[in-house]
Amino acid sequence: MLARNAPDAPDGMTFFRPVLSGVLYRSGFSGGDEDRTGMSSAQRVSLCESGFDTAFYADFGKNTDFGRTSCGSGTLDYAAARSSRPSAVMQAIHDTIKNPGKGPVLVHCMWGVHSSGALSAMALVQFCGWSEERAKAYWDKGRNGAPCSNGCDAWIDAKFDKFKVDSSLSITDAERAAICPK
């Protein structure tokens, strides 16, 4: 079981953890909070001040105020993402890898276990060369036993059915060695 709250988790976030070292992190809202419409202004400023340049709210975000947040150290772009259409997230991760001065990407969903985990698993396939099977096992472990509509195997399979590695987003072996889990 993964810890619900890491000591360095941004305020109000749960299951906050790195996926690609210094490049991609994932999380959810504490308690899931189904009434939330996205990160609060204070959370976006906190992420910005922590050096994040990009954040995505995966598969939710109805009535969310997406856009750019400025802070003393830069800006944070906050956008919607779909775990069934991961191209924008993969592009943002690639941009961060290729531009060392760019801050990391956060992908979050309501609970921090399903959609953020699926996008993270896809990033492990795209950038680390993980097999789909290994990435799905990572996703399954990270959901901490949370149930899935129509069964968890079917849920993650449906997400990966629409995912293909994009050869235009390739990275070097040195970049891979620096960011990928061992």
N, C-alpha and C. Protein backbone atom coordinates (compact mmCIF):
# COMPACT_ATOMS: atom_id res chain seq x y z
N MET A 1 0.85 -1.18 0.00
CA MET A 1 0.00 0.00 0.00
C MET A 1 0.89 1.24 0.00
N LEU A 2 0.61 2.17 -0.86
CA LEU A 2 1.37 3.40 -0.91
C LEU A 2 0.82 4.39 0.12
N ALA A 3 1.71 5.20 0.66
CA ALA A 3 1.30 6.20 1.65
C ALA A 3 0.31 7.18 1.04
N ARG A 4 -0.70 7.54 1.84
CA ARG A 4 -1.70 8.47 1.36
C ARG A 4 -1.15 9.88 1.24
N ASN A 5 -0.31 10.28 2.16
CA ASN A 5 0.20 11.65 2.13
C ASN A 5 1.70 11.66 2.34
N ALA A 6 2.43 12.03 1.32
CA ALA A 6 3.88 12.18 1.43
C ALA A 6 4.17 13.48 2.19
N PRO A 7 5.27 13.53 2.93
CA PRO A 7 5.57 14.75 3.68
C PRO A 7 5.77 15.98 2.80
N ASP A 8 6.15 15.78 1.55
CA ASP A 8 6.37 16.92 0.65
C ASP A 8 5.19 17.17 -0.29
N ALA A 9 4.03 16.56 0.00
CA ALA A 9 2.85 16.74 -0.85
C ALA A 9 2.34 18.16 -0.77
N PRO A 10 1.97 18.73 -1.91
CA PRO A 10 1.35 20.06 -1.88
C PRO A 10 0.07 20.02 -1.04
N ASP A 11 -0.28 21.14 -0.46
CA ASP A 11 -1.46 21.24 0.38
C ASP A 11 -2.70 20.72 -0.34
N GLY A 12 -3.44 19.84 0.33
CA GLY A 12 -4.68 19.31 -0.22
C GLY A 12 -4.53 18.17 -1.21
N MET A 13 -3.29 17.72 -1.46
CA MET A 13 -3.06 16.63 -2.41
C MET A 13 -2.77 15.33 -1.66
N THR A 14 -3.11 14.24 -2.29
CA THR A 14 -2.85 12.92 -1.73
C THR A 14 -2.19 12.04 -2.78
N PHE A 15 -1.56 10.98 -2.34
CA PHE A 15 -0.83 10.06 -3.22
C PHE A 15 0.15 10.82 -4.12
N PHE A 16 0.71 11.90 -3.61
CA PHE A 16 1.69 12.69 -4.35
C PHE A 16 2.99 11.90 -4.40
N ARG A 17 3.48 11.63 -5.62
CA ARG A 17 4.72 10.87 -5.74
C ARG A 17 5.36 11.08 -7.11
N PRO A 18 6.69 10.89 -7.15
CA PRO A 18 7.38 11.02 -8.43
C PRO A 18 7.12 9.81 -9.32
N VAL A 19 7.12 10.06 -10.62
CA VAL A 19 7.03 8.99 -11.62
C VAL A 19 8.33 8.97 -12.41
N LEU A 20 8.69 10.10 -12.99
CA LEU A 20 9.95 10.27 -13.72
C LEU A 20 10.75 11.32 -12.94
N SER A 21 11.89 10.95 -12.42
CA SER A 21 12.66 11.79 -11.51
C SER A 21 12.86 13.22 -12.03
N GLY A 22 12.31 14.17 -11.27
CA GLY A 22 12.45 15.58 -11.59
C GLY A 22 11.63 16.05 -12.78
N VAL A 23 10.85 15.16 -13.38
CA VAL A 23 10.13 15.48 -14.61
C VAL A 23 8.62 15.32 -14.46
N LEU A 24 8.16 14.22 -13.88
CA LEU A 24 6.72 13.93 -13.79
C LEU A 24 6.37 13.44 -12.40
N TYR A 25 5.32 14.05 -11.84
CA TYR A 25 4.76 13.65 -10.54
C TYR A 25 3.28 13.40 -10.74
N ARG A 26 2.69 12.63 -9.82
CA ARG A 26 1.26 12.37 -9.89
C ARG A 26 0.63 12.51 -8.52
N SER A 27 -0.69 12.78 -8.50
CA SER A 27 -1.40 12.93 -7.23
C SER A 27 -2.90 12.96 -7.46
N GLY A 28 -3.60 13.16 -6.37
CA GLY A 28 -5.05 13.37 -6.38
C GLY A 28 -5.39 14.35 -5.28
N PHE A 29 -6.68 14.58 -5.07
CA PHE A 29 -7.13 15.45 -3.99
C PHE A 29 -7.31 14.62 -2.72
N SER A 30 -6.99 15.18 -1.58
CA SER A 30 -7.22 14.51 -0.30
C SER A 30 -8.69 14.15 -0.21
N GLY A 31 -8.96 12.88 0.01
CA GLY A 31 -10.33 12.42 0.15
C GLY A 31 -11.10 12.33 -1.16
N GLY A 32 -10.45 12.61 -2.27
CA GLY A 32 -11.14 12.56 -3.55
C GLY A 32 -11.99 13.78 -3.81
N ASP A 33 -12.71 14.23 -2.82
CA ASP A 33 -13.48 15.47 -2.86
C ASP A 33 -14.19 15.66 -4.20
N GLU A 34 -15.26 14.91 -4.41
CA GLU A 34 -15.98 14.94 -5.67
C GLU A 34 -16.57 16.30 -6.03
N ASP A 35 -16.66 17.20 -5.07
CA ASP A 35 -17.20 18.53 -5.35
C ASP A 35 -16.15 19.50 -5.87
N ARG A 36 -14.89 19.10 -5.85
CA ARG A 36 -13.82 20.00 -6.30
C ARG A 36 -13.89 20.17 -7.80
N THR A 37 -13.56 21.33 -8.24
CA THR A 37 -13.55 21.59 -9.67
C THR A 37 -12.13 21.77 -10.18
N GLY A 38 -11.14 21.49 -9.37
CA GLY A 38 -9.74 21.63 -9.76
C GLY A 38 -8.94 22.18 -8.62
N MET A 39 -7.67 22.42 -8.87
CA MET A 39 -6.82 22.98 -7.84
C MET A 39 -7.26 24.40 -7.51
N SER A 40 -7.17 24.73 -6.25
CA SER A 40 -7.47 26.10 -5.83
C SER A 40 -6.36 27.03 -6.31
N SER A 41 -6.65 28.30 -6.28
CA SER A 41 -5.65 29.30 -6.65
C SER A 41 -4.42 29.16 -5.75
N ALA A 42 -4.62 28.95 -4.47
CA ALA A 42 -3.50 28.80 -3.53
C ALA A 42 -2.67 27.57 -3.87
N GLN A 43 -3.31 26.46 -4.26
CA GLN A 43 -2.57 25.26 -4.64
C GLN A 43 -1.75 25.50 -5.90
N ARG A 44 -2.33 26.21 -6.86
CA ARG A 44 -1.59 26.49 -8.09
C ARG A 44 -0.38 27.38 -7.81
N VAL A 45 -0.53 28.38 -6.95
CA VAL A 45 0.59 29.24 -6.59
C VAL A 45 1.65 28.42 -5.86
N SER A 46 1.23 27.55 -4.96
CA SER A 46 2.17 26.70 -4.23
C SER A 46 2.97 25.81 -5.18
N LEU A 47 2.30 25.20 -6.13
CA LEU A 47 2.99 24.37 -7.13
C LEU A 47 3.96 25.21 -7.94
N CYS A 48 3.52 26.37 -8.35
CA CYS A 48 4.37 27.28 -9.13
C CYS A 48 5.62 27.64 -8.32
N GLU A 49 5.44 28.00 -7.07
CA GLU A 49 6.56 28.36 -6.22
C GLU A 49 7.48 27.17 -5.94
N SER A 50 6.95 25.96 -6.05
CA SER A 50 7.76 24.75 -5.89
C SER A 50 8.52 24.39 -7.16
N GLY A 51 8.32 25.18 -8.22
CA GLY A 51 9.06 24.97 -9.46
C GLY A 51 8.33 24.23 -10.56
N PHE A 52 7.09 23.84 -10.33
CA PHE A 52 6.31 23.18 -11.39
C PHE A 52 5.94 24.20 -12.45
N ASP A 53 6.04 23.78 -13.71
CA ASP A 53 5.67 24.64 -14.83
C ASP A 53 4.33 24.25 -15.45
N THR A 54 3.93 22.97 -15.29
CA THR A 54 2.74 22.46 -15.95
C THR A 54 2.00 21.51 -15.03
N ALA A 55 0.67 21.59 -15.03
CA ALA A 55 -0.16 20.64 -14.29
C ALA A 55 -1.38 20.31 -15.15
N PHE A 56 -1.78 19.05 -15.06
CA PHE A 56 -2.95 18.57 -15.79
C PHE A 56 -3.93 17.92 -14.82
N TYR A 57 -5.21 18.24 -14.99
CA TYR A 57 -6.28 17.58 -14.24
C TYR A 57 -6.89 16.56 -15.18
N ALA A 58 -6.67 15.29 -14.89
CA ALA A 58 -7.05 14.20 -15.79
C ALA A 58 -8.48 13.73 -15.58
N ASP A 59 -9.25 13.75 -16.63
CA ASP A 59 -10.57 13.15 -16.75
C ASP A 59 -11.69 13.82 -15.96
N PHE A 60 -11.38 14.87 -15.26
CA PHE A 60 -12.42 15.59 -14.52
C PHE A 60 -12.31 17.06 -14.91
N GLY A 61 -12.57 17.94 -14.01
CA GLY A 61 -12.36 19.35 -14.28
C GLY A 61 -13.57 20.11 -14.77
N LYS A 62 -14.76 19.56 -14.59
CA LYS A 62 -15.97 20.29 -14.97
C LYS A 62 -15.98 21.62 -14.22
N ASN A 63 -16.18 22.69 -14.93
CA ASN A 63 -16.21 24.04 -14.35
C ASN A 63 -14.88 24.45 -13.72
N THR A 64 -13.79 23.86 -14.16
CA THR A 64 -12.47 24.18 -13.63
C THR A 64 -11.93 25.43 -14.30
N ASP A 65 -11.27 26.25 -13.50
CA ASP A 65 -10.62 27.46 -14.01
C ASP A 65 -9.20 27.10 -14.45
N PHE A 66 -9.05 26.66 -15.70
CA PHE A 66 -7.75 26.33 -16.23
C PHE A 66 -7.08 27.60 -16.73
N GLY A 67 -5.78 27.57 -16.84
CA GLY A 67 -5.06 28.73 -17.36
C GLY A 67 -3.69 28.85 -16.73
N ARG A 68 -3.16 30.04 -16.75
CA ARG A 68 -1.79 30.32 -16.28
C ARG A 68 -1.84 31.02 -14.93
N THR A 69 -0.98 30.57 -14.01
CA THR A 69 -0.82 31.18 -12.70
C THR A 69 0.61 31.67 -12.58
N SER A 70 0.76 32.90 -12.18
CA SER A 70 2.09 33.47 -11.98
C SER A 70 2.47 33.44 -10.51
N CYS A 71 3.77 33.30 -10.27
CA CYS A 71 4.31 33.37 -8.92
C CYS A 71 5.67 34.04 -9.00
N GLY A 72 6.30 34.26 -7.88
CA GLY A 72 7.58 34.93 -7.86
C GLY A 72 8.66 34.25 -8.68
N SER A 73 8.55 32.92 -8.83
CA SER A 73 9.61 32.20 -9.54
C SER A 73 9.24 31.79 -10.97
N GLY A 74 8.05 32.14 -11.44
CA GLY A 74 7.69 31.78 -12.81
C GLY A 74 6.20 31.68 -13.02
N THR A 75 5.80 30.71 -13.85
CA THR A 75 4.38 30.50 -14.14
C THR A 75 4.08 29.01 -14.15
N LEU A 76 2.82 28.71 -13.88
CA LEU A 76 2.30 27.35 -13.94
C LEU A 76 1.15 27.34 -14.93
N ASP A 77 1.24 26.50 -15.95
CA ASP A 77 0.14 26.30 -16.89
C ASP A 77 -0.69 25.12 -16.41
N TYR A 78 -1.99 25.34 -16.22
CA TYR A 78 -2.91 24.33 -15.69
C TYR A 78 -3.94 24.02 -16.77
N ALA A 79 -4.03 22.74 -17.17
CA ALA A 79 -4.89 22.35 -18.28
C ALA A 79 -5.61 21.04 -17.99
N ALA A 80 -6.62 20.77 -18.79
CA ALA A 80 -7.34 19.51 -18.72
C ALA A 80 -6.59 18.45 -19.52
N ALA A 81 -6.74 17.20 -19.11
CA ALA A 81 -6.15 16.08 -19.84
C ALA A 81 -7.14 14.92 -19.82
N ARG A 82 -6.99 14.03 -20.78
CA ARG A 82 -7.82 12.82 -20.84
C ARG A 82 -6.89 11.62 -20.85
N SER A 83 -7.17 10.65 -20.01
CA SER A 83 -6.34 9.44 -20.01
C SER A 83 -6.58 8.61 -21.26
N SER A 84 -7.64 8.91 -21.99
CA SER A 84 -7.89 8.21 -23.25
C SER A 84 -7.28 8.95 -24.44
N ARG A 85 -6.74 10.15 -24.20
CA ARG A 85 -6.06 10.94 -25.23
C ARG A 85 -4.84 11.61 -24.59
N PRO A 86 -3.76 10.85 -24.41
CA PRO A 86 -2.63 11.33 -23.61
C PRO A 86 -1.62 12.22 -24.33
N SER A 87 -1.84 12.57 -25.57
CA SER A 87 -0.80 13.24 -26.36
C SER A 87 -0.32 14.56 -25.75
N ALA A 88 -1.21 15.39 -25.21
CA ALA A 88 -0.78 16.68 -24.64
C ALA A 88 0.11 16.47 -23.42
N VAL A 89 -0.22 15.48 -22.61
CA VAL A 89 0.60 15.19 -21.43
C VAL A 89 1.97 14.67 -21.87
N MET A 90 2.00 13.76 -22.83
CA MET A 90 3.29 13.22 -23.29
C MET A 90 4.15 14.32 -23.90
N GLN A 91 3.53 15.25 -24.63
CA GLN A 91 4.28 16.36 -25.22
C GLN A 91 4.87 17.26 -24.13
N ALA A 92 4.10 17.55 -23.09
CA ALA A 92 4.59 18.39 -21.99
C ALA A 92 5.75 17.72 -21.27
N ILE A 93 5.66 16.41 -21.07
CA ILE A 93 6.75 15.67 -20.42
C ILE A 93 7.99 15.73 -21.30
N HIS A 94 7.82 15.50 -22.59
CA HIS A 94 8.94 15.56 -23.53
C HIS A 94 9.60 16.94 -23.50
N ASP A 95 8.78 17.99 -23.52
CA ASP A 95 9.31 19.36 -23.47
C ASP A 95 10.13 19.58 -22.20
N THR A 96 9.69 19.03 -21.09
CA THR A 96 10.41 19.17 -19.83
C THR A 96 11.74 18.42 -19.88
N ILE A 97 11.73 17.22 -20.45
CA ILE A 97 12.97 16.44 -20.57
C ILE A 97 13.97 17.18 -21.46
N LYS A 98 13.51 17.72 -22.55
CA LYS A 98 14.40 18.35 -23.54
C LYS A 98 14.84 19.75 -23.15
N ASN A 99 14.20 20.35 -22.17
CA ASN A 99 14.53 21.70 -21.71
C ASN A 99 14.85 21.64 -20.22
N PRO A 100 16.10 21.34 -19.85
CA PRO A 100 16.46 21.12 -18.45
C PRO A 100 16.07 22.25 -17.49
N GLY A 101 15.92 23.47 -17.96
CA GLY A 101 15.52 24.57 -17.08
C GLY A 101 14.02 24.62 -16.81
N LYS A 102 13.26 23.80 -17.51
CA LYS A 102 11.81 23.77 -17.36
C LYS A 102 11.44 22.94 -16.15
N GLY A 103 10.47 23.41 -15.38
CA GLY A 103 10.04 22.69 -14.18
C GLY A 103 9.23 21.46 -14.50
N PRO A 104 9.03 20.60 -13.50
CA PRO A 104 8.33 19.34 -13.72
C PRO A 104 6.84 19.51 -14.02
N VAL A 105 6.26 18.39 -14.45
CA VAL A 105 4.84 18.28 -14.78
C VAL A 105 4.15 17.52 -13.65
N LEU A 106 2.96 17.99 -13.27
CA LEU A 106 2.11 17.26 -12.33
C LEU A 106 0.88 16.81 -13.09
N VAL A 107 0.53 15.54 -12.97
CA VAL A 107 -0.73 15.05 -13.49
C VAL A 107 -1.52 14.56 -12.28
N HIS A 108 -2.75 15.08 -12.15
CA HIS A 108 -3.57 14.65 -11.01
C HIS A 108 -4.97 14.33 -11.49
N CYS A 109 -5.65 13.57 -10.68
CA CYS A 109 -7.06 13.27 -10.93
C CYS A 109 -7.78 13.42 -9.59
N MET A 110 -9.00 13.03 -9.52
CA MET A 110 -9.75 13.23 -8.30
C MET A 110 -9.14 12.47 -7.12
N TRP A 111 -8.90 11.18 -7.29
CA TRP A 111 -8.42 10.35 -6.19
C TRP A 111 -6.91 10.13 -6.23
N GLY A 112 -6.29 10.32 -7.38
CA GLY A 112 -4.85 10.09 -7.49
C GLY A 112 -4.48 8.64 -7.73
N VAL A 113 -5.43 7.83 -8.17
CA VAL A 113 -5.15 6.41 -8.36
C VAL A 113 -5.47 5.89 -9.76
N HIS A 114 -6.52 6.35 -10.38
CA HIS A 114 -6.91 5.78 -11.67
C HIS A 114 -6.33 6.55 -12.86
N SER A 115 -6.87 7.72 -13.14
CA SER A 115 -6.49 8.46 -14.36
C SER A 115 -5.06 8.99 -14.30
N SER A 116 -4.65 9.55 -13.17
CA SER A 116 -3.26 10.02 -13.07
C SER A 116 -2.31 8.84 -13.17
N GLY A 117 -2.71 7.70 -12.63
CA GLY A 117 -1.89 6.49 -12.74
C GLY A 117 -1.80 5.97 -14.15
N ALA A 118 -2.90 6.05 -14.90
CA ALA A 118 -2.89 5.58 -16.29
C ALA A 118 -1.96 6.45 -17.13
N LEU A 119 -2.04 7.76 -16.97
CA LEU A 119 -1.16 8.65 -17.72
C LEU A 119 0.30 8.44 -17.31
N SER A 120 0.53 8.19 -16.04
CA SER A 120 1.89 7.92 -15.56
C SER A 120 2.41 6.61 -16.15
N ALA A 121 1.57 5.59 -16.19
CA ALA A 121 1.97 4.31 -16.78
C ALA A 121 2.31 4.47 -18.26
N MET A 122 1.53 5.27 -18.96
CA MET A 122 1.81 5.53 -20.38
C MET A 122 3.14 6.26 -20.54
N ALA A 123 3.43 7.19 -19.64
CA ALA A 123 4.72 7.91 -19.70
C ALA A 123 5.88 6.94 -19.48
N LEU A 124 5.70 5.95 -18.62
CA LEU A 124 6.75 4.96 -18.39
C LEU A 124 6.99 4.12 -19.64
N VAL A 125 5.96 3.84 -20.39
CA VAL A 125 6.10 3.13 -21.67
C VAL A 125 6.79 4.05 -22.68
N GLN A 126 6.27 5.27 -22.81
CA GLN A 126 6.77 6.22 -23.81
C GLN A 126 8.24 6.57 -23.59
N PHE A 127 8.60 6.91 -22.37
CA PHE A 127 9.93 7.47 -22.14
C PHE A 127 10.94 6.50 -21.54
N CYS A 128 10.48 5.46 -20.88
CA CYS A 128 11.40 4.52 -20.22
C CYS A 128 11.48 3.18 -20.91
N GLY A 129 10.66 2.97 -21.92
CA GLY A 129 10.69 1.72 -22.66
C GLY A 129 10.06 0.56 -21.92
N TRP A 130 9.25 0.86 -20.89
CA TRP A 130 8.58 -0.22 -20.17
C TRP A 130 7.60 -0.92 -21.11
N SER A 131 7.38 -2.20 -20.85
CA SER A 131 6.36 -2.93 -21.59
C SER A 131 4.99 -2.49 -21.08
N GLU A 132 3.98 -2.67 -21.91
CA GLU A 132 2.63 -2.35 -21.49
C GLU A 132 2.25 -3.18 -20.26
N GLU A 133 2.67 -4.43 -20.23
CA GLU A 133 2.36 -5.30 -19.10
C GLU A 133 2.96 -4.75 -17.80
N ARG A 134 4.21 -4.34 -17.84
CA ARG A 134 4.87 -3.79 -16.65
C ARG A 134 4.19 -2.48 -16.23
N ALA A 135 3.84 -1.64 -17.18
CA ALA A 135 3.19 -0.37 -16.87
C ALA A 135 1.81 -0.60 -16.25
N LYS A 136 1.08 -1.57 -16.75
CA LYS A 136 -0.24 -1.88 -16.17
C LYS A 136 -0.09 -2.42 -14.76
N ALA A 137 0.96 -3.19 -14.49
CA ALA A 137 1.22 -3.68 -13.13
C ALA A 137 1.52 -2.50 -12.20
N TYR A 138 2.29 -1.52 -12.69
CA TYR A 138 2.56 -0.29 -11.92
C TYR A 138 1.24 0.40 -11.60
N TRP A 139 0.38 0.56 -12.60
CA TRP A 139 -0.92 1.20 -12.41
C TRP A 139 -1.74 0.45 -11.38
N ASP A 140 -1.78 -0.88 -11.49
CA ASP A 140 -2.58 -1.69 -10.59
C ASP A 140 -2.10 -1.55 -9.15
N LYS A 141 -0.80 -1.58 -8.95
CA LYS A 141 -0.24 -1.43 -7.60
C LYS A 141 -0.56 -0.04 -7.04
N GLY A 142 -0.46 0.98 -7.86
CA GLY A 142 -0.67 2.35 -7.43
C GLY A 142 -2.11 2.72 -7.13
N ARG A 143 -3.07 1.91 -7.56
CA ARG A 143 -4.47 2.24 -7.29
C ARG A 143 -4.89 1.78 -5.90
N ASN A 144 -3.98 1.10 -5.18
CA ASN A 144 -4.22 0.74 -3.77
C ASN A 144 -5.54 0.01 -3.54
N GLY A 145 -5.93 -0.83 -4.50
CA GLY A 145 -7.15 -1.61 -4.34
C GLY A 145 -8.43 -0.87 -4.64
N ALA A 146 -8.35 0.37 -5.08
CA ALA A 146 -9.55 1.14 -5.41
C ALA A 146 -10.31 0.43 -6.53
N PRO A 147 -11.63 0.35 -6.44
CA PRO A 147 -12.41 -0.34 -7.48
C PRO A 147 -12.46 0.47 -8.77
N CYS A 148 -12.83 -0.20 -9.84
CA CYS A 148 -12.95 0.42 -11.16
C CYS A 148 -14.31 0.06 -11.75
N SER A 149 -14.91 1.00 -12.47
CA SER A 149 -16.15 0.71 -13.17
C SER A 149 -15.90 -0.40 -14.18
N ASN A 150 -16.74 -1.39 -14.24
CA ASN A 150 -16.66 -2.51 -15.19
C ASN A 150 -15.41 -3.35 -15.03
N GLY A 151 -14.74 -3.28 -13.89
CA GLY A 151 -13.55 -4.10 -13.64
C GLY A 151 -12.27 -3.37 -14.00
N CYS A 152 -11.24 -3.57 -13.20
CA CYS A 152 -10.00 -2.81 -13.38
C CYS A 152 -9.21 -3.22 -14.61
N ASP A 153 -9.17 -4.50 -14.94
CA ASP A 153 -8.45 -4.90 -16.15
C ASP A 153 -9.07 -4.26 -17.38
N ALA A 154 -10.40 -4.27 -17.45
CA ALA A 154 -11.09 -3.67 -18.59
C ALA A 154 -10.84 -2.16 -18.63
N TRP A 155 -10.82 -1.51 -17.47
CA TRP A 155 -10.63 -0.06 -17.42
C TRP A 155 -9.27 0.33 -17.99
N ILE A 156 -8.20 -0.29 -17.48
CA ILE A 156 -6.86 0.09 -17.93
C ILE A 156 -6.62 -0.38 -19.37
N ASP A 157 -7.16 -1.54 -19.73
CA ASP A 157 -7.02 -2.00 -21.12
C ASP A 157 -7.64 -1.00 -22.10
N ALA A 158 -8.79 -0.44 -21.75
CA ALA A 158 -9.45 0.54 -22.63
C ALA A 158 -8.59 1.79 -22.80
N LYS A 159 -7.89 2.20 -21.75
CA LYS A 159 -7.01 3.37 -21.86
C LYS A 159 -5.83 3.06 -22.77
N PHE A 160 -5.21 1.89 -22.57
CA PHE A 160 -4.05 1.53 -23.37
C PHE A 160 -4.42 1.18 -24.81
N ASP A 161 -5.67 0.80 -25.07
CA ASP A 161 -6.10 0.54 -26.45
C ASP A 161 -5.94 1.78 -27.32
N LYS A 162 -6.03 2.95 -26.71
CA LYS A 162 -5.94 4.21 -27.46
C LYS A 162 -4.56 4.84 -27.39
N PHE A 163 -3.61 4.20 -26.70
CA PHE A 163 -2.28 4.76 -26.54
C PHE A 163 -1.29 4.08 -27.48
N LYS A 164 -0.51 4.88 -28.14
CA LYS A 164 0.58 4.38 -29.00
C LYS A 164 1.81 5.21 -28.70
N VAL A 165 2.97 4.57 -28.64
CA VAL A 165 4.23 5.29 -28.45
C VAL A 165 4.42 6.21 -29.65
N ASP A 166 4.77 7.45 -29.37
CA ASP A 166 4.99 8.46 -30.40
C ASP A 166 6.49 8.58 -30.65
N SER A 167 6.94 8.12 -31.79
CA SER A 167 8.37 8.13 -32.09
C SER A 167 8.96 9.53 -32.16
N SER A 168 8.14 10.54 -32.39
CA SER A 168 8.65 11.91 -32.43
C SER A 168 9.00 12.43 -31.04
N LEU A 169 8.61 11.70 -30.00
CA LEU A 169 8.90 12.10 -28.62
C LEU A 169 10.03 11.25 -28.02
N SER A 170 10.94 10.81 -28.84
CA SER A 170 12.02 9.96 -28.33
C SER A 170 13.00 10.79 -27.49
N ILE A 171 13.68 10.10 -26.58
CA ILE A 171 14.70 10.74 -25.74
C ILE A 171 15.97 9.90 -25.83
N THR A 172 17.07 10.48 -25.38
CA THR A 172 18.35 9.78 -25.46
C THR A 172 18.48 8.75 -24.33
N ASP A 173 19.42 7.84 -24.49
CA ASP A 173 19.69 6.87 -23.42
C ASP A 173 20.12 7.57 -22.15
N ALA A 174 20.91 8.64 -22.26
CA ALA A 174 21.36 9.38 -21.08
C ALA A 174 20.18 10.05 -20.38
N GLU A 175 19.25 10.61 -21.14
CA GLU A 175 18.06 11.21 -20.54
C GLU A 175 17.22 10.14 -19.84
N ARG A 176 17.07 9.01 -20.49
CA ARG A 176 16.31 7.90 -19.91
C ARG A 176 16.94 7.44 -18.60
N ALA A 177 18.28 7.29 -18.60
CA ALA A 177 18.96 6.84 -17.39
C ALA A 177 18.80 7.84 -16.24
N ALA A 178 18.69 9.12 -16.56
CA ALA A 178 18.58 10.14 -15.53
C ALA A 178 17.19 10.23 -14.90
N ILE A 179 16.14 9.85 -15.62
CA ILE A 179 14.79 10.07 -15.11
C ILE A 179 13.99 8.81 -14.79
N CYS A 180 14.32 7.69 -15.40
CA CYS A 180 13.47 6.50 -15.28
C CYS A 180 13.75 5.71 -14.00
N PRO A 181 12.68 5.13 -13.43
CA PRO A 181 12.87 4.28 -12.25
C PRO A 181 13.73 3.08 -12.59
N LYS A 182 14.48 2.66 -11.66
CA LYS A 182 15.37 1.49 -11.88
C LYS A 182 14.61 0.21 -11.78
